[in-house]
Amino acid sequence: MPTATLSSRGQLVIPAGVRELVGWRPGDQASVIVSPDATEVSLRRKETLDEMADRLSRYVRPGTEPLLDVHGLYQMREPRA
């Protein structure tokens, strides 16, 4: 099992093999998740805007116009009874 080393500056060095396996590149950001009892730490690579848009576009029907005016959408809705 690969190990990561904490530097004197508080930086965690993740082994190259692990970075390659998960597809991390210099400049990528990660979310840090700490277990409730603070005995485990997990890292999750943050999605780029392009990755997020691509993932979310799967839920939009082809030909759907982009929503540019959220306020206008709410104005068009019928009032609740």
PDB file of N, CA and C in Angstrom:
ATOM      1  N   MET A   1       0.857  -1.178   0.000  1.00  0.00           N
ATOM      2  CA  MET A   1       0.000   0.000   0.000  1.00  0.00           C
ATOM      3  C   MET A   1       0.898   1.234   0.000  1.00  0.00           C
ATOM      4  N   PRO A   2       0.681   2.142  -0.978  1.00  0.00           N
ATOM      5  CA  PRO A   2       1.506   3.351  -1.022  1.00  0.00           C
ATOM      6  C   PRO A   2       1.249   4.242   0.192  1.00  0.00           C
ATOM      7  N   THR A   3       2.270   4.978   0.574  1.00  0.00           N
ATOM      8  CA  THR A   3       2.120   5.910   1.687  1.00  0.00           C
ATOM      9  C   THR A   3       2.350   7.331   1.195  1.00  0.00           C
ATOM     10  N   ALA A   4       1.727   8.266   1.869  1.00  0.00           N
ATOM     11  CA  ALA A   4       1.915   9.686   1.576  1.00  0.00           C
ATOM     12  C   ALA A   4       2.701  10.283   2.733  1.00  0.00           C
ATOM     13  N   THR A   5       3.540  11.255   2.429  1.00  0.00           N
ATOM     14  CA  THR A   5       4.404  11.863   3.435  1.00  0.00           C
ATOM     15  C   THR A   5       4.025  13.317   3.642  1.00  0.00           C
ATOM     16  N   LEU A   6       3.881  13.713   4.910  1.00  0.00           N
ATOM     17  CA  LEU A   6       3.566  15.091   5.262  1.00  0.00           C
ATOM     18  C   LEU A   6       4.870  15.866   5.418  1.00  0.00           C
ATOM     19  N   SER A   7       4.998  16.968   4.665  1.00  0.00           N
ATOM     20  CA  SER A   7       6.225  17.765   4.733  1.00  0.00           C
ATOM     21  C   SER A   7       6.198  18.681   5.959  1.00  0.00           C
ATOM     22  N   SER A   8       7.325  19.311   6.232  1.00  0.00           N
ATOM     23  CA  SER A   8       7.410  20.244   7.364  1.00  0.00           C
ATOM     24  C   SER A   8       6.529  21.472   7.133  1.00  0.00           C
ATOM     25  N   ARG A   9       6.144  21.729   5.878  1.00  0.00           N
ATOM     26  CA  ARG A   9       5.262  22.855   5.559  1.00  0.00           C
ATOM     27  C   ARG A   9       3.784  22.449   5.565  1.00  0.00           C
ATOM     28  N   GLY A  10       3.497  21.212   5.961  1.00  0.00           N
ATOM     29  CA  GLY A  10       2.111  20.756   6.041  1.00  0.00           C
ATOM     30  C   GLY A  10       1.547  20.276   4.723  1.00  0.00           C
ATOM     31  N   GLN A  11       2.389  20.042   3.737  1.00  0.00           N
ATOM     32  CA  GLN A  11       1.939  19.570   2.431  1.00  0.00           C
ATOM     33  C   GLN A  11       2.023  18.052   2.380  1.00  0.00           C
ATOM     34  N   LEU A  12       1.000  17.450   1.831  1.00  0.00           N
ATOM     35  CA  LEU A  12       0.952  15.996   1.722  1.00  0.00           C
ATOM     36  C   LEU A  12       1.398  15.593   0.329  1.00  0.00           C
ATOM     37  N   VAL A  13       2.412  14.756   0.250  1.00  0.00           N
ATOM     38  CA  VAL A  13       2.924  14.288  -1.030  1.00  0.00           C
ATOM     39  C   VAL A  13       2.241  12.967  -1.358  1.00  0.00           C
ATOM     40  N   ILE A  14       1.467  12.982  -2.456  1.00  0.00           N
ATOM     41  CA  ILE A  14       0.759  11.780  -2.884  1.00  0.00           C
ATOM     42  C   ILE A  14       1.618  11.096  -3.944  1.00  0.00           C
ATOM     43  N   PRO A  15       1.876   9.803  -3.786  1.00  0.00           N
ATOM     44  CA  PRO A  15       2.763   9.112  -4.722  1.00  0.00           C
ATOM     45  C   PRO A  15       2.289   9.235  -6.175  1.00  0.00           C
ATOM     46  N   ALA A  16       3.251   9.298  -7.094  1.00  0.00           N
ATOM     47  CA  ALA A  16       2.955   9.476  -8.519  1.00  0.00           C
ATOM     48  C   ALA A  16       2.017   8.388  -9.042  1.00  0.00           C
ATOM     49  N   GLY A  17       2.214   7.153  -8.618  1.00  0.00           N
ATOM     50  CA  GLY A  17       1.360   6.056  -9.081  1.00  0.00           C
ATOM     51  C   GLY A  17      -0.100   6.262  -8.711  1.00  0.00           C
ATOM     52  N   VAL A  18      -0.327   6.805  -7.520  1.00  0.00           N
ATOM     53  CA  VAL A  18      -1.696   7.079  -7.074  1.00  0.00           C
ATOM     54  C   VAL A  18      -2.277   8.236  -7.885  1.00  0.00           C
ATOM     55  N   ARG A  19      -1.479   9.289  -8.088  1.00  0.00           N
ATOM     56  CA  ARG A  19      -1.948  10.441  -8.888  1.00  0.00           C
ATOM     57  C   ARG A  19      -2.305   9.997 -10.296  1.00  0.00           C
ATOM     58  N   GLU A  20      -1.482   9.143 -10.889  1.00  0.00           N
ATOM     59  CA  GLU A  20      -1.765   8.652 -12.241  1.00  0.00           C
ATOM     60  C   GLU A  20      -3.021   7.796 -12.260  1.00  0.00           C
ATOM     61  N   LEU A  21      -3.188   6.952 -11.245  1.00  0.00           N
ATOM     62  CA  LEU A  21      -4.343   6.058 -11.170  1.00  0.00           C
ATOM     63  C   LEU A  21      -5.655   6.831 -11.132  1.00  0.00           C
ATOM     64  N   VAL A  22      -5.696   7.925 -10.381  1.00  0.00           N
ATOM     65  CA  VAL A  22      -6.932   8.705 -10.246  1.00  0.00           C
ATOM     66  C   VAL A  22      -7.010   9.855 -11.246  1.00  0.00           C
ATOM     67  N   GLY A  23      -5.957  10.050 -12.040  1.00  0.00           N
ATOM     68  CA  GLY A  23      -5.993  11.069 -13.084  1.00  0.00           C
ATOM     69  C   GLY A  23      -5.775  12.492 -12.603  1.00  0.00           C
ATOM     70  N   TRP A  24      -5.070  12.646 -11.493  1.00  0.00           N
ATOM     71  CA  TRP A  24      -4.783  13.998 -10.988  1.00  0.00           C
ATOM     72  C   TRP A  24      -3.619  14.610 -11.733  1.00  0.00           C
ATOM     73  N   ARG A  25      -3.751  15.891 -12.007  1.00  0.00           N
ATOM     74  CA  ARG A  25      -2.701  16.653 -12.685  1.00  0.00           C
ATOM     75  C   ARG A  25      -2.369  17.876 -11.824  1.00  0.00           C
ATOM     76  N   PRO A  26      -1.196  18.470 -12.023  1.00  0.00           N
ATOM     77  CA  PRO A  26      -0.860  19.682 -11.257  1.00  0.00           C
ATOM     78  C   PRO A  26      -1.951  20.742 -11.421  1.00  0.00           C
ATOM     79  N   GLY A  27      -2.339  21.334 -10.316  1.00  0.00           N
ATOM     80  CA  GLY A  27      -3.372  22.366 -10.333  1.00  0.00           C
ATOM     81  C   GLY A  27      -4.757  21.839 -10.025  1.00  0.00           C
ATOM     82  N   ASP A  28      -4.979  20.511 -10.117  1.00  0.00           N
ATOM     83  CA  ASP A  28      -6.285  19.956  -9.757  1.00  0.00           C
ATOM     84  C   ASP A  28      -6.553  20.235  -8.285  1.00  0.00           C
ATOM     85  N   GLN A  29      -7.816  20.413  -7.965  1.00  0.00           N
ATOM     86  CA  GLN A  29      -8.200  20.649  -6.574  1.00  0.00           C
ATOM     87  C   GLN A  29      -8.909  19.415  -6.033  1.00  0.00           C
ATOM     88  N   ALA A  30      -8.862  19.272  -4.712  1.00  0.00           N
ATOM     89  CA  ALA A  30      -9.495  18.121  -4.067  1.00  0.00           C
ATOM     90  C   ALA A  30     -10.337  18.595  -2.896  1.00  0.00           C
ATOM     91  N   SER A  31     -11.448  17.892  -2.695  1.00  0.00           N
ATOM     92  CA  SER A  31     -12.244  18.091  -1.489  1.00  0.00           C
ATOM     93  C   SER A  31     -11.671  17.163  -0.424  1.00  0.00           C
ATOM     94  N   VAL A  32     -11.592  17.645   0.794  1.00  0.00           N
ATOM     95  CA  VAL A  32     -11.068  16.852   1.904  1.00  0.00           C
ATOM     96  C   VAL A  32     -12.238  16.453   2.792  1.00  0.00           C
ATOM     97  N   ILE A  33     -12.408  15.147   2.998  1.00  0.00           N
ATOM     98  CA  ILE A  33     -13.501  14.632   3.817  1.00  0.00           C
ATOM     99  C   ILE A  33     -12.885  13.954   5.039  1.00  0.00           C
ATOM    100  N   VAL A  34     -13.302  14.392   6.230  1.00  0.00           N
ATOM    101  CA  VAL A  34     -12.776  13.831   7.472  1.00  0.00           C
ATOM    102  C   VAL A  34     -13.879  13.007   8.127  1.00  0.00           C
ATOM    103  N   SER A  35     -13.539  11.798   8.564  1.00  0.00           N
ATOM    104  CA  SER A  35     -14.526  10.928   9.212  1.00  0.00           C
ATOM    105  C   SER A  35     -14.986  11.568  10.523  1.00  0.00           C
ATOM    106  N   PRO A  36     -16.178  11.203  10.993  1.00  0.00           N
ATOM    107  CA  PRO A  36     -16.703  11.804  12.227  1.00  0.00           C
ATOM    108  C   PRO A  36     -15.771  11.674  13.433  1.00  0.00           C
ATOM    109  N   ASP A  37     -15.036  10.572  13.502  1.00  0.00           N
ATOM    110  CA  ASP A  37     -14.137  10.405  14.652  1.00  0.00           C
ATOM    111  C   ASP A  37     -12.714  10.901  14.337  1.00  0.00           C
ATOM    112  N   ALA A  38     -12.534  11.539  13.180  1.00  0.00           N
ATOM    113  CA  ALA A  38     -11.254  12.131  12.769  1.00  0.00           C
ATOM    114  C   ALA A  38     -10.111  11.123  12.694  1.00  0.00           C
ATOM    115  N   THR A  39     -10.434   9.871  12.367  1.00  0.00           N
ATOM    116  CA  THR A  39      -9.376   8.869  12.219  1.00  0.00           C
ATOM    117  C   THR A  39      -9.074   8.568  10.757  1.00  0.00           C
ATOM    118  N   GLU A  40      -9.934   9.052   9.848  1.00  0.00           N
ATOM    119  CA  GLU A  40      -9.720   8.826   8.417  1.00  0.00           C
ATOM    120  C   GLU A  40      -9.940  10.116   7.644  1.00  0.00           C
ATOM    121  N   VAL A  41      -9.132  10.294   6.610  1.00  0.00           N
ATOM    122  CA  VAL A  41      -9.261  11.443   5.721  1.00  0.00           C
ATOM    123  C   VAL A  41      -9.345  10.896   4.297  1.00  0.00           C
ATOM    124  N   SER A  42     -10.312  11.397   3.539  1.00  0.00           N
ATOM    125  CA  SER A  42     -10.457  11.005   2.133  1.00  0.00           C
ATOM    126  C   SER A  42     -10.293  12.242   1.263  1.00  0.00           C
ATOM    127  N   LEU A  43      -9.753  12.029   0.077  1.00  0.00           N
ATOM    128  CA  LEU A  43      -9.616  13.110  -0.896  1.00  0.00           C
ATOM    129  C   LEU A  43     -10.467  12.769  -2.106  1.00  0.00           C
ATOM    130  N   ARG A  44     -11.152  13.750  -2.631  1.00  0.00           N
ATOM    131  CA  ARG A  44     -11.947  13.574  -3.842  1.00  0.00           C
ATOM    132  C   ARG A  44     -11.613  14.707  -4.790  1.00  0.00           C
ATOM    133  N   ARG A  45     -11.213  14.358  -6.014  1.00  0.00           N
ATOM    134  CA  ARG A  45     -10.878  15.390  -7.000  1.00  0.00           C
ATOM    135  C   ARG A  45     -12.134  16.165  -7.344  1.00  0.00           C
ATOM    136  N   LYS A  46     -12.022  17.503  -7.287  1.00  0.00           N
ATOM    137  CA  LYS A  46     -13.155  18.350  -7.649  1.00  0.00           C
ATOM    138  C   LYS A  46     -13.332  18.328  -9.150  1.00  0.00           C
ATOM    139  N   GLU A  47     -14.596  18.318  -9.582  1.00  0.00           N
ATOM    140  CA  GLU A  47     -14.884  18.369 -11.011  1.00  0.00           C
ATOM    141  C   GLU A  47     -14.574  19.755 -11.557  1.00  0.00           C
ATOM    142  N   THR A  48     -14.136  19.791 -12.800  1.00  0.00           N
ATOM    143  CA  THR A  48     -14.006  21.076 -13.466  1.00  0.00           C
ATOM    144  C   THR A  48     -15.401  21.510 -13.916  1.00  0.00           C
ATOM    145  N   LEU A  49     -15.561  22.761 -14.271  1.00  0.00           N
ATOM    146  CA  LEU A  49     -16.861  23.228 -14.764  1.00  0.00           C
ATOM    147  C   LEU A  49     -17.279  22.466 -16.010  1.00  0.00           C
ATOM    148  N   ASP A  50     -16.336  22.179 -16.890  1.00  0.00           N
ATOM    149  CA  ASP A  50     -16.663  21.423 -18.102  1.00  0.00           C
ATOM    150  C   ASP A  50     -17.140  20.012 -17.768  1.00  0.00           C
ATOM    151  N   GLU A  51     -16.468  19.359 -16.810  1.00  0.00           N
ATOM    152  CA  GLU A  51     -16.882  18.010 -16.405  1.00  0.00           C
ATOM    153  C   GLU A  51     -18.274  18.036 -15.784  1.00  0.00           C
ATOM    154  N   MET A  52     -18.532  19.043 -14.952  1.00  0.00           N
ATOM    155  CA  MET A  52     -19.837  19.152 -14.313  1.00  0.00           C
ATOM    156  C   MET A  52     -20.926  19.407 -15.355  1.00  0.00           C
ATOM    157  N   ALA A  53     -20.657  20.307 -16.290  1.00  0.00           N
ATOM    158  CA  ALA A  53     -21.635  20.608 -17.339  1.00  0.00           C
ATOM    159  C   ALA A  53     -21.909  19.372 -18.180  1.00  0.00           C
ATOM    160  N   ASP A  54     -20.872  18.612 -18.506  1.00  0.00           N
ATOM    161  CA  ASP A  54     -21.046  17.394 -19.287  1.00  0.00           C
ATOM    162  C   ASP A  54     -21.889  16.372 -18.531  1.00  0.00           C
ATOM    163  N   ARG A  55     -21.610  16.202 -17.240  1.00  0.00           N
ATOM    164  CA  ARG A  55     -22.365  15.243 -16.431  1.00  0.00           C
ATOM    165  C   ARG A  55     -23.828  15.654 -16.315  1.00  0.00           C
ATOM    166  N   LEU A  56     -24.071  16.939 -16.069  1.00  0.00           N
ATOM    167  CA  LEU A  56     -25.444  17.406 -15.887  1.00  0.00           C
ATOM    168  C   LEU A  56     -26.220  17.465 -17.200  1.00  0.00           C
ATOM    169  N   SER A  57     -25.513  17.623 -18.320  1.00  0.00           N
ATOM    170  CA  SER A  57     -26.205  17.716 -19.608  1.00  0.00           C
ATOM    171  C   SER A  57     -26.915  16.415 -19.967  1.00  0.00           C
ATOM    172  N   ARG A  58     -26.543  15.313 -19.345  1.00  0.00           N
ATOM    173  CA  ARG A  58     -27.220  14.043 -19.604  1.00  0.00           C
ATOM    174  C   ARG A  58     -28.670  14.059 -19.133  1.00  0.00           C
ATOM    175  N   TYR A  59     -29.007  15.000 -18.257  1.00  0.00           N
ATOM    176  CA  TYR A  59     -30.359  15.074 -17.706  1.00  0.00           C
ATOM    177  C   TYR A  59     -31.245  16.068 -18.462  1.00  0.00           C
ATOM    178  N   VAL A  60     -30.721  16.679 -19.511  1.00  0.00           N
ATOM    179  CA  VAL A  60     -31.463  17.680 -20.277  1.00  0.00           C
ATOM    180  C   VAL A  60     -31.864  17.080 -21.621  1.00  0.00           C
ATOM    181  N   ARG A  61     -33.138  17.210 -21.960  1.00  0.00           N
ATOM    182  CA  ARG A  61     -33.590  16.694 -23.252  1.00  0.00           C
ATOM    183  C   ARG A  61     -32.967  17.493 -24.388  1.00  0.00           C
ATOM    184  N   PRO A  62     -32.600  16.815 -25.476  1.00  0.00           N
ATOM    185  CA  PRO A  62     -32.048  17.536 -26.629  1.00  0.00           C
ATOM    186  C   PRO A  62     -33.042  18.591 -27.119  1.00  0.00           C
ATOM    187  N   GLY A  63     -32.526  19.732 -27.497  1.00  0.00           N
ATOM    188  CA  GLY A  63     -33.367  20.810 -28.007  1.00  0.00           C
ATOM    189  C   GLY A  63     -33.899  21.738 -26.926  1.00  0.00           C
ATOM    190  N   THR A  64     -33.633  21.428 -25.654  1.00  0.00           N
ATOM    191  CA  THR A  64     -34.091  22.280 -24.561  1.00  0.00           C
ATOM    192  C   THR A  64     -33.291  23.579 -24.572  1.00  0.00           C
ATOM    193  N   GLU A  65     -33.998  24.693 -24.520  1.00  0.00           N
ATOM    194  CA  GLU A  65     -33.331  25.998 -24.495  1.00  0.00           C
ATOM    195  C   GLU A  65     -32.682  26.220 -23.132  1.00  0.00           C
ATOM    196  N   PRO A  66     -31.523  26.845 -23.098  1.00  0.00           N
ATOM    197  CA  PRO A  66     -30.891  27.107 -21.801  1.00  0.00           C
ATOM    198  C   PRO A  66     -31.714  28.118 -21.004  1.00  0.00           C
ATOM    199  N   LEU A  67     -31.734  27.933 -19.696  1.00  0.00           N
ATOM    200  CA  LEU A  67     -32.461  28.839 -18.804  1.00  0.00           C
ATOM    201  C   LEU A  67     -31.540  30.003 -18.453  1.00  0.00           C
ATOM    202  N   LEU A  68     -31.853  31.161 -18.991  1.00  0.00           N
ATOM    203  CA  LEU A  68     -31.015  32.335 -18.756  1.00  0.00           C
ATOM    204  C   LEU A  68     -31.650  33.312 -17.775  1.00  0.00           C
ATOM    205  N   ASP A  69     -32.956  33.184 -17.539  1.00  0.00           N
ATOM    206  CA  ASP A  69     -33.667  34.141 -16.696  1.00  0.00           C
ATOM    207  C   ASP A  69     -34.489  33.402 -15.638  1.00  0.00           C
ATOM    208  N   VAL A  70     -33.852  33.062 -14.526  1.00  0.00           N
ATOM    209  CA  VAL A  70     -34.536  32.320 -13.463  1.00  0.00           C
ATOM    210  C   VAL A  70     -35.672  33.154 -12.876  1.00  0.00           C
ATOM    211  N   HIS A  71     -35.433  34.447 -12.677  1.00  0.00           N
ATOM    212  CA  HIS A  71     -36.475  35.321 -12.123  1.00  0.00           C
ATOM    213  C   HIS A  71     -37.709  35.313 -13.034  1.00  0.00           C
ATOM    214  N   GLY A  72     -37.495  35.406 -14.342  1.00  0.00           N
ATOM    215  CA  GLY A  72     -38.603  35.382 -15.293  1.00  0.00           C
ATOM    216  C   GLY A  72     -39.372  34.076 -15.231  1.00  0.00           C
ATOM    217  N   LEU A  73     -38.667  32.973 -15.029  1.00  0.00           N
ATOM    218  CA  LEU A  73     -39.335  31.669 -14.913  1.00  0.00           C
ATOM    219  C   LEU A  73     -40.287  31.670 -13.730  1.00  0.00           C
ATOM    220  N   TYR A  74     -39.840  32.186 -12.605  1.00  0.00           N
ATOM    221  CA  TYR A  74     -40.704  32.233 -11.425  1.00  0.00           C
ATOM    222  C   TYR A  74     -41.887  33.170 -11.637  1.00  0.00           C
ATOM    223  N   GLN A  75     -41.714  34.226 -12.398  1.00  0.00           N
ATOM    224  CA  GLN A  75     -42.810  35.151 -12.677  1.00  0.00           C
ATOM    225  C   GLN A  75     -43.883  34.484 -13.534  1.00  0.00           C
ATOM    226  N   MET A  76     -43.480  33.545 -14.408  1.00  0.00           N
ATOM    227  CA  MET A  76     -44.434  32.861 -15.286  1.00  0.00           C
ATOM    228  C   MET A  76     -45.220  31.785 -14.554  1.00  0.00           C
ATOM    229  N   ARG A  77     -44.721  31.302 -13.443  1.00  0.00           N
ATOM    230  CA  ARG A  77     -45.393  30.207 -12.710  1.00  0.00           C
ATOM    231  C   ARG A  77     -46.716  30.709 -12.147  1.00  0.00           C
ATOM    232  N   GLU A  78     -47.641  29.791 -12.073  1.00  0.00           N
ATOM    233  CA  GLU A  78     -48.948  30.124 -11.500  1.00  0.00           C
ATOM    234  C   GLU A  78     -48.787  30.244  -9.982  1.00  0.00           C
ATOM    235  N   PRO A  79     -49.479  31.199  -9.367  1.00  0.00           N
ATOM    236  CA  PRO A  79     -49.392  31.318  -7.911  1.00  0.00           C
ATOM    237  C   PRO A  79     -49.967  30.096  -7.221  1.00  0.00           C
ATOM    238  N   ARG A  80     -49.376  29.759  -6.099  1.00  0.00           N
ATOM    239  CA  ARG A  80     -49.866  28.605  -5.320  1.00  0.00           C
ATOM    240  C   ARG A  80     -51.132  29.003  -4.583  1.00  0.00           C
ATOM    241  N   ALA A  81     -52.006  28.026  -4.435  1.00  0.00           N
ATOM    242  CA  ALA A  81     -53.289  28.289  -3.753  1.00  0.00           C
ATOM    243  C   ALA A  81     -53.116  28.301  -2.254  1.00  0.00           C
TER     244      ALA A  81
END
